[in-house]
């Protein structure tokens, strides 16, 4: 595995970011990158979108929402992740989530959350391996899971 790194989204890489896609059977479980970037543009004080690179290769997208005053507690520090189909199972997703958790700690967050839709191709096993635990809450049919920092 080439050492991964995070990079900001810029006018030079946004097109490639929008072209990034997960495996076809996962598309119902992960928001498209262009949708996440559109949401980030509407909340620049909250959204923290980053691209995941291995060397010069774009391998994924991760976005955090840092909104400590949000009335919905599981949106105070949330994570969205998409790793390109051909780059999955290489450690890039774990790297991206751990990088967001490090940023969350730096910002003083006590926990971080992810949401997943239940199903055969759900990212649930991935997040459970990283230490996220379901809270018992659902948001629009998705499981809310939390990790303490």
N, C-alpha and C. Protein backbone atom coordinates (compact mmCIF):
# COMPACT_ATOMS: atom_id res chain seq x y z
N UNK A 1 0.85 -1.18 0.00
CA UNK A 1 0.00 0.00 0.00
C UNK A 1 0.88 1.23 0.00
N UNK A 2 0.66 2.11 -0.94
CA UNK A 2 1.34 3.40 -0.96
C UNK A 2 0.82 4.22 0.20
N UNK A 3 1.69 4.92 0.90
CA UNK A 3 1.28 5.70 2.06
C UNK A 3 0.19 6.69 1.65
N UNK A 4 -0.97 6.62 2.30
CA UNK A 4 -2.05 7.53 1.94
C UNK A 4 -1.86 8.91 2.58
N UNK A 5 -2.57 9.87 2.01
CA UNK A 5 -2.57 11.23 2.56
C UNK A 5 -3.91 11.87 2.25
N UNK A 6 -4.27 12.87 3.02
CA UNK A 6 -5.47 13.65 2.75
C UNK A 6 -5.08 14.92 2.03
N UNK A 7 -5.97 15.41 1.18
CA UNK A 7 -5.75 16.67 0.47
C UNK A 7 -7.07 17.43 0.42
N UNK A 8 -6.97 18.74 0.42
CA UNK A 8 -8.15 19.56 0.28
C UNK A 8 -8.72 19.44 -1.13
N UNK A 9 -10.00 19.68 -1.26
CA UNK A 9 -10.65 19.69 -2.56
C UNK A 9 -10.37 21.06 -3.18
N UNK A 10 -9.88 21.05 -4.42
CA UNK A 10 -9.54 22.30 -5.10
C UNK A 10 -10.17 22.30 -6.49
N UNK A 11 -10.05 23.41 -7.18
CA UNK A 11 -10.58 23.46 -8.55
C UNK A 11 -9.82 22.50 -9.47
N UNK A 12 -8.59 22.13 -9.09
CA UNK A 12 -7.80 21.22 -9.92
C UNK A 12 -8.19 19.75 -9.74
N UNK A 13 -8.79 19.40 -8.60
CA UNK A 13 -9.10 17.99 -8.37
C UNK A 13 -10.60 17.70 -8.17
N UNK A 14 -11.44 18.74 -8.18
CA UNK A 14 -12.86 18.53 -7.90
C UNK A 14 -13.53 17.66 -8.96
N UNK A 15 -13.15 17.79 -10.20
CA UNK A 15 -13.75 16.98 -11.25
C UNK A 15 -13.45 15.50 -11.03
N UNK A 16 -12.20 15.20 -10.73
CA UNK A 16 -11.83 13.80 -10.45
C UNK A 16 -12.57 13.29 -9.21
N UNK A 17 -12.73 14.16 -8.22
CA UNK A 17 -13.45 13.76 -7.01
C UNK A 17 -14.89 13.39 -7.35
N UNK A 18 -15.52 14.18 -8.19
CA UNK A 18 -16.92 13.91 -8.56
C UNK A 18 -17.06 12.63 -9.39
N UNK A 19 -16.00 12.22 -10.06
CA UNK A 19 -16.02 10.98 -10.86
C UNK A 19 -15.78 9.73 -10.01
N UNK A 20 -15.32 9.90 -8.79
CA UNK A 20 -15.01 8.77 -7.92
C UNK A 20 -16.29 8.00 -7.61
N UNK A 21 -16.23 6.67 -7.68
CA UNK A 21 -17.42 5.89 -7.36
C UNK A 21 -17.04 4.59 -6.65
N UNK A 22 -17.95 4.16 -5.81
CA UNK A 22 -17.79 2.90 -5.10
C UNK A 22 -18.26 1.77 -6.00
N UNK A 23 -18.16 0.55 -5.54
CA UNK A 23 -18.62 -0.60 -6.31
C UNK A 23 -20.13 -0.48 -6.57
N UNK A 24 -20.60 -0.97 -7.71
CA UNK A 24 -22.03 -0.84 -8.04
C UNK A 24 -22.96 -1.34 -6.93
N UNK A 25 -22.62 -2.46 -6.29
CA UNK A 25 -23.51 -3.00 -5.24
C UNK A 25 -23.49 -2.15 -3.96
N UNK A 26 -22.58 -1.18 -3.86
CA UNK A 26 -22.51 -0.32 -2.68
C UNK A 26 -23.18 1.03 -2.90
N UNK A 27 -23.56 1.34 -4.11
CA UNK A 27 -24.05 2.68 -4.42
C UNK A 27 -25.29 3.09 -3.64
N UNK A 28 -26.11 2.15 -3.24
CA UNK A 28 -27.27 2.48 -2.42
C UNK A 28 -26.94 2.74 -0.97
N UNK A 29 -25.67 2.54 -0.60
CA UNK A 29 -25.26 2.69 0.79
C UNK A 29 -24.38 3.91 1.03
N UNK A 30 -23.91 4.54 -0.03
CA UNK A 30 -22.96 5.65 0.08
C UNK A 30 -23.45 6.81 -0.78
N UNK A 31 -23.49 7.99 -0.19
CA UNK A 31 -23.88 9.17 -0.97
C UNK A 31 -22.84 9.44 -2.04
N UNK A 32 -23.27 9.83 -3.24
CA UNK A 32 -22.30 10.19 -4.28
C UNK A 32 -21.43 11.36 -3.82
N UNK A 33 -20.18 11.35 -4.23
CA UNK A 33 -19.24 12.40 -3.81
C UNK A 33 -19.73 13.78 -4.24
N UNK A 34 -20.28 13.90 -5.44
CA UNK A 34 -20.74 15.22 -5.88
C UNK A 34 -21.85 15.76 -4.98
N UNK A 35 -22.70 14.88 -4.49
CA UNK A 35 -23.75 15.32 -3.55
C UNK A 35 -23.13 15.80 -2.24
N UNK A 36 -22.17 15.05 -1.72
CA UNK A 36 -21.51 15.45 -0.48
C UNK A 36 -20.80 16.78 -0.64
N UNK A 37 -20.15 16.97 -1.79
CA UNK A 37 -19.47 18.24 -2.03
C UNK A 37 -20.46 19.40 -2.15
N UNK A 38 -21.61 19.15 -2.73
CA UNK A 38 -22.65 20.18 -2.81
C UNK A 38 -23.10 20.56 -1.40
N UNK A 39 -23.30 19.56 -0.54
CA UNK A 39 -23.67 19.85 0.84
C UNK A 39 -22.57 20.62 1.55
N UNK A 40 -21.32 20.28 1.27
CA UNK A 40 -20.19 20.98 1.90
C UNK A 40 -20.18 22.45 1.50
N UNK A 41 -20.51 22.74 0.26
CA UNK A 41 -20.53 24.13 -0.21
C UNK A 41 -21.57 24.97 0.51
N UNK A 42 -22.65 24.34 0.96
CA UNK A 42 -23.70 25.08 1.64
C UNK A 42 -23.43 25.25 3.13
N UNK A 43 -22.42 24.53 3.64
CA UNK A 43 -22.08 24.60 5.06
C UNK A 43 -20.57 24.71 5.25
N UNK A 44 -19.95 25.73 4.69
CA UNK A 44 -18.48 25.80 4.75
C UNK A 44 -17.90 25.91 6.16
N UNK A 45 -18.70 26.37 7.12
CA UNK A 45 -18.20 26.47 8.50
C UNK A 45 -18.27 25.13 9.23
N UNK A 46 -18.99 24.18 8.67
CA UNK A 46 -19.22 22.89 9.32
C UNK A 46 -18.50 21.75 8.58
N UNK A 47 -18.59 21.75 7.27
CA UNK A 47 -18.07 20.63 6.47
C UNK A 47 -16.55 20.67 6.35
N UNK A 48 -15.96 19.49 6.37
CA UNK A 48 -14.51 19.32 6.25
C UNK A 48 -14.27 18.21 5.22
N UNK A 49 -14.44 18.52 3.92
CA UNK A 49 -14.24 17.50 2.89
C UNK A 49 -12.77 17.34 2.53
N UNK A 50 -12.34 16.10 2.35
CA UNK A 50 -10.96 15.81 1.97
C UNK A 50 -10.93 14.65 0.99
N UNK A 51 -9.93 14.69 0.14
CA UNK A 51 -9.70 13.59 -0.79
C UNK A 51 -8.60 12.71 -0.22
N UNK A 52 -8.68 11.43 -0.50
CA UNK A 52 -7.69 10.47 -0.04
C UNK A 52 -6.86 10.07 -1.25
N UNK A 53 -5.57 10.28 -1.14
CA UNK A 53 -4.64 9.94 -2.21
C UNK A 53 -3.67 8.87 -1.73
N UNK A 54 -3.27 8.01 -2.66
CA UNK A 54 -2.15 7.08 -2.47
C UNK A 54 -1.15 7.48 -3.55
N UNK A 55 -0.10 8.16 -3.13
CA UNK A 55 0.80 8.75 -4.12
C UNK A 55 0.04 9.82 -4.88
N UNK A 56 0.04 9.72 -6.22
CA UNK A 56 -0.71 10.67 -7.04
C UNK A 56 -2.11 10.16 -7.41
N UNK A 57 -2.46 8.99 -6.93
CA UNK A 57 -3.75 8.38 -7.29
C UNK A 57 -4.85 8.74 -6.30
N UNK A 58 -5.94 9.28 -6.81
CA UNK A 58 -7.11 9.55 -5.98
C UNK A 58 -7.79 8.22 -5.68
N UNK A 59 -7.92 7.90 -4.40
CA UNK A 59 -8.50 6.60 -4.02
C UNK A 59 -9.79 6.74 -3.23
N UNK A 60 -10.07 7.94 -2.72
CA UNK A 60 -11.28 8.06 -1.91
C UNK A 60 -11.62 9.48 -1.53
N UNK A 61 -12.72 9.57 -0.82
CA UNK A 61 -13.26 10.84 -0.34
C UNK A 61 -13.75 10.62 1.08
N UNK A 62 -13.47 11.56 1.94
CA UNK A 62 -13.99 11.53 3.30
C UNK A 62 -14.45 12.93 3.66
N UNK A 63 -15.53 13.01 4.39
CA UNK A 63 -16.00 14.32 4.84
C UNK A 63 -16.44 14.20 6.29
N UNK A 64 -16.05 15.20 7.05
CA UNK A 64 -16.52 15.30 8.42
C UNK A 64 -17.40 16.53 8.52
N UNK A 65 -18.29 16.48 9.48
CA UNK A 65 -19.08 17.65 9.85
C UNK A 65 -18.73 17.96 11.29
N UNK A 66 -18.20 19.13 11.53
CA UNK A 66 -17.86 19.57 12.87
C UNK A 66 -18.81 20.71 13.25
N UNK A 67 -19.84 20.37 14.00
CA UNK A 67 -20.87 21.33 14.39
C UNK A 67 -21.24 21.09 15.85
N UNK A 68 -20.36 21.50 16.79
CA UNK A 68 -20.58 21.18 18.20
C UNK A 68 -21.88 21.72 18.78
N UNK A 69 -22.48 22.72 18.14
CA UNK A 69 -23.72 23.29 18.65
C UNK A 69 -24.97 22.70 18.02
N UNK A 70 -24.83 21.71 17.16
CA UNK A 70 -25.99 21.13 16.47
C UNK A 70 -26.96 20.52 17.49
N UNK A 71 -28.25 20.80 17.35
CA UNK A 71 -29.22 20.23 18.30
C UNK A 71 -29.35 18.71 18.18
N UNK A 72 -28.97 18.14 17.05
CA UNK A 72 -28.98 16.67 16.90
C UNK A 72 -27.59 16.18 17.26
N UNK A 73 -27.47 15.53 18.39
CA UNK A 73 -26.13 15.20 18.92
C UNK A 73 -25.29 14.36 17.97
N UNK A 74 -25.90 13.48 17.19
CA UNK A 74 -25.10 12.64 16.32
C UNK A 74 -24.66 13.35 15.04
N UNK A 75 -25.03 14.60 14.87
CA UNK A 75 -24.52 15.40 13.76
C UNK A 75 -23.48 16.42 14.22
N UNK A 76 -23.08 16.37 15.47
CA UNK A 76 -22.07 17.31 15.97
C UNK A 76 -20.68 16.99 15.45
N UNK A 77 -20.43 15.72 15.22
CA UNK A 77 -19.15 15.28 14.66
C UNK A 77 -19.41 13.99 13.88
N UNK A 78 -19.73 14.14 12.60
CA UNK A 78 -20.10 13.00 11.78
C UNK A 78 -19.11 12.77 10.65
N UNK A 79 -19.11 11.54 10.14
CA UNK A 79 -18.16 11.13 9.10
C UNK A 79 -18.91 10.49 7.94
N UNK A 80 -18.51 10.87 6.70
CA UNK A 80 -18.99 10.26 5.47
C UNK A 80 -17.76 9.77 4.71
N UNK A 81 -17.84 8.59 4.13
CA UNK A 81 -16.67 7.99 3.49
C UNK A 81 -17.06 7.28 2.21
N UNK A 82 -16.22 7.43 1.19
CA UNK A 82 -16.37 6.67 -0.06
C UNK A 82 -14.97 6.34 -0.57
N UNK A 83 -14.67 5.07 -0.70
CA UNK A 83 -13.40 4.62 -1.27
C UNK A 83 -13.71 4.00 -2.63
N UNK A 84 -12.97 4.41 -3.64
CA UNK A 84 -13.19 3.92 -5.00
C UNK A 84 -13.15 2.40 -5.03
N UNK A 85 -14.01 1.81 -5.83
CA UNK A 85 -14.17 0.36 -5.88
C UNK A 85 -12.84 -0.37 -6.00
N UNK A 86 -11.99 0.09 -6.91
CA UNK A 86 -10.73 -0.62 -7.16
C UNK A 86 -9.68 -0.42 -6.07
N UNK A 87 -9.96 0.44 -5.10
CA UNK A 87 -8.99 0.71 -4.03
C UNK A 87 -9.47 0.26 -2.66
N UNK A 88 -10.56 -0.47 -2.61
CA UNK A 88 -11.07 -0.96 -1.33
C UNK A 88 -10.24 -2.13 -0.84
N UNK A 89 -10.32 -2.33 0.47
CA UNK A 89 -9.62 -3.43 1.16
C UNK A 89 -8.10 -3.27 1.10
N UNK A 90 -7.65 -2.02 1.04
CA UNK A 90 -6.21 -1.73 1.03
C UNK A 90 -5.80 -0.86 2.21
N UNK A 91 -6.75 -0.57 3.11
CA UNK A 91 -6.45 0.24 4.29
C UNK A 91 -6.71 1.73 4.13
N UNK A 92 -7.16 2.16 2.96
CA UNK A 92 -7.38 3.59 2.74
C UNK A 92 -8.59 4.12 3.52
N UNK A 93 -9.62 3.31 3.63
CA UNK A 93 -10.79 3.73 4.41
C UNK A 93 -10.45 3.89 5.88
N UNK A 94 -9.73 2.93 6.41
CA UNK A 94 -9.30 3.01 7.82
C UNK A 94 -8.44 4.24 8.03
N UNK A 95 -7.50 4.47 7.12
CA UNK A 95 -6.66 5.67 7.22
C UNK A 95 -7.52 6.93 7.25
N UNK A 96 -8.49 7.03 6.33
CA UNK A 96 -9.31 8.24 6.23
C UNK A 96 -10.12 8.47 7.50
N UNK A 97 -10.74 7.42 8.02
CA UNK A 97 -11.53 7.57 9.24
C UNK A 97 -10.62 7.95 10.41
N UNK A 98 -9.47 7.31 10.53
CA UNK A 98 -8.56 7.65 11.63
C UNK A 98 -8.05 9.08 11.51
N UNK A 99 -7.86 9.58 10.28
CA UNK A 99 -7.45 10.97 10.09
C UNK A 99 -8.54 11.93 10.55
N UNK A 100 -9.79 11.60 10.24
CA UNK A 100 -10.90 12.44 10.71
C UNK A 100 -10.99 12.39 12.23
N UNK A 101 -10.83 11.22 12.81
CA UNK A 101 -10.89 11.11 14.27
C UNK A 101 -9.78 11.93 14.92
N UNK A 102 -8.59 11.96 14.31
CA UNK A 102 -7.50 12.78 14.83
C UNK A 102 -7.87 14.26 14.76
N UNK A 103 -8.48 14.68 13.67
CA UNK A 103 -8.93 16.08 13.54
C UNK A 103 -10.01 16.39 14.57
N UNK A 104 -10.91 15.44 14.79
CA UNK A 104 -11.98 15.63 15.78
C UNK A 104 -11.38 15.80 17.18
N UNK A 105 -10.40 14.98 17.51
CA UNK A 105 -9.73 15.13 18.81
C UNK A 105 -9.07 16.50 18.92
N UNK A 106 -8.40 16.91 17.85
CA UNK A 106 -7.73 18.21 17.84
C UNK A 106 -8.72 19.34 18.10
N UNK A 107 -9.95 19.16 17.62
CA UNK A 107 -11.00 20.16 17.81
C UNK A 107 -11.73 20.02 19.13
N UNK A 108 -11.38 19.01 19.92
CA UNK A 108 -11.99 18.84 21.24
C UNK A 108 -13.26 18.02 21.27
N UNK A 109 -13.56 17.30 20.20
CA UNK A 109 -14.77 16.47 20.19
C UNK A 109 -14.60 15.28 21.13
N UNK A 110 -15.68 14.88 21.75
CA UNK A 110 -15.65 13.74 22.66
C UNK A 110 -16.01 12.43 21.97
N UNK A 111 -16.71 12.53 20.84
CA UNK A 111 -17.10 11.34 20.10
C UNK A 111 -17.33 11.73 18.64
N UNK A 112 -17.46 10.70 17.82
CA UNK A 112 -17.77 10.90 16.39
C UNK A 112 -18.80 9.84 16.02
N UNK A 113 -19.58 10.15 14.99
CA UNK A 113 -20.62 9.23 14.58
C UNK A 113 -20.56 8.93 13.08
N UNK A 114 -21.13 7.81 12.73
CA UNK A 114 -21.36 7.42 11.33
C UNK A 114 -22.78 6.89 11.26
N UNK A 115 -23.34 6.90 10.08
CA UNK A 115 -24.64 6.30 9.83
C UNK A 115 -24.48 5.29 8.71
N UNK A 116 -25.23 4.19 8.80
CA UNK A 116 -25.23 3.23 7.71
C UNK A 116 -26.62 2.62 7.55
N UNK A 117 -26.93 2.31 6.32
CA UNK A 117 -28.17 1.61 6.03
C UNK A 117 -27.91 0.12 6.21
N UNK A 118 -28.80 -0.57 6.91
CA UNK A 118 -28.63 -2.02 7.05
C UNK A 118 -28.79 -2.71 5.69
N UNK A 119 -28.12 -3.83 5.54
CA UNK A 119 -28.27 -4.60 4.32
C UNK A 119 -27.04 -5.43 4.01
N UNK A 120 -27.16 -6.23 2.98
CA UNK A 120 -26.11 -7.18 2.61
C UNK A 120 -24.77 -6.49 2.32
N UNK A 121 -24.78 -5.32 1.73
CA UNK A 121 -23.54 -4.64 1.35
C UNK A 121 -23.27 -3.39 2.20
N UNK A 122 -23.88 -3.37 3.35
CA UNK A 122 -23.72 -2.25 4.28
C UNK A 122 -22.26 -2.14 4.74
N UNK A 123 -21.81 -0.93 5.05
CA UNK A 123 -20.46 -0.77 5.61
C UNK A 123 -20.40 -1.08 7.11
N UNK A 124 -21.46 -1.62 7.66
CA UNK A 124 -21.50 -1.92 9.10
C UNK A 124 -20.28 -2.70 9.59
N UNK A 125 -19.89 -3.82 8.97
CA UNK A 125 -18.74 -4.57 9.49
C UNK A 125 -17.45 -3.72 9.54
N UNK A 126 -17.25 -2.89 8.53
CA UNK A 126 -16.08 -2.01 8.48
C UNK A 126 -16.06 -1.09 9.70
N UNK A 127 -17.17 -0.41 9.95
CA UNK A 127 -17.22 0.54 11.07
C UNK A 127 -17.14 -0.16 12.42
N UNK A 128 -17.74 -1.34 12.55
CA UNK A 128 -17.64 -2.08 13.81
C UNK A 128 -16.18 -2.47 14.09
N UNK A 129 -15.44 -2.87 13.05
CA UNK A 129 -14.03 -3.21 13.23
C UNK A 129 -13.22 -2.01 13.71
N UNK A 130 -13.64 -0.81 13.31
CA UNK A 130 -12.92 0.40 13.74
C UNK A 130 -13.30 0.84 15.15
N UNK A 131 -14.33 0.24 15.72
CA UNK A 131 -14.71 0.56 17.10
C UNK A 131 -16.01 1.34 17.25
N UNK A 132 -16.71 1.63 16.16
CA UNK A 132 -18.00 2.30 16.27
C UNK A 132 -19.02 1.31 16.81
N UNK A 133 -19.91 1.82 17.66
CA UNK A 133 -20.95 0.98 18.24
C UNK A 133 -22.31 1.60 17.99
N UNK A 134 -23.30 0.80 17.56
CA UNK A 134 -24.64 1.34 17.37
C UNK A 134 -25.18 1.95 18.66
N UNK A 135 -25.87 3.08 18.51
CA UNK A 135 -26.41 3.78 19.68
C UNK A 135 -27.83 3.34 20.01
N UNK A 136 -28.47 2.61 19.10
CA UNK A 136 -29.87 2.26 19.26
C UNK A 136 -30.78 3.26 18.56
N UNK A 137 -30.20 4.35 18.06
CA UNK A 137 -30.98 5.35 17.33
C UNK A 137 -30.97 5.03 15.84
N UNK A 138 -32.02 5.49 15.17
CA UNK A 138 -32.10 5.42 13.71
C UNK A 138 -32.33 6.83 13.20
N UNK A 139 -31.74 7.13 12.05
CA UNK A 139 -31.98 8.41 11.37
C UNK A 139 -32.41 8.07 9.95
N UNK A 140 -33.66 8.35 9.65
CA UNK A 140 -34.22 8.04 8.33
C UNK A 140 -33.90 6.61 7.89
N UNK A 141 -34.06 5.68 8.83
CA UNK A 141 -33.84 4.26 8.56
C UNK A 141 -32.41 3.80 8.65
N UNK A 142 -31.48 4.72 8.90
CA UNK A 142 -30.07 4.35 9.01
C UNK A 142 -29.66 4.21 10.47
N UNK A 143 -28.78 3.26 10.73
CA UNK A 143 -28.25 3.03 12.06
C UNK A 143 -27.27 4.15 12.42
N UNK A 144 -27.41 4.69 13.60
CA UNK A 144 -26.47 5.70 14.11
C UNK A 144 -25.47 4.95 15.01
N UNK A 145 -24.17 5.12 14.71
CA UNK A 145 -23.13 4.47 15.51
C UNK A 145 -22.13 5.54 15.96
N UNK A 146 -21.56 5.30 17.13
CA UNK A 146 -20.69 6.29 17.74
C UNK A 146 -19.38 5.63 18.22
N UNK A 147 -18.32 6.41 18.18
CA UNK A 147 -17.06 6.01 18.78
C UNK A 147 -16.64 7.12 19.74
N UNK A 148 -16.23 6.74 20.92
CA UNK A 148 -15.73 7.72 21.91
C UNK A 148 -14.27 8.02 21.59
N UNK A 149 -13.92 9.29 21.73
CA UNK A 149 -12.54 9.71 21.39
C UNK A 149 -11.68 9.83 22.63
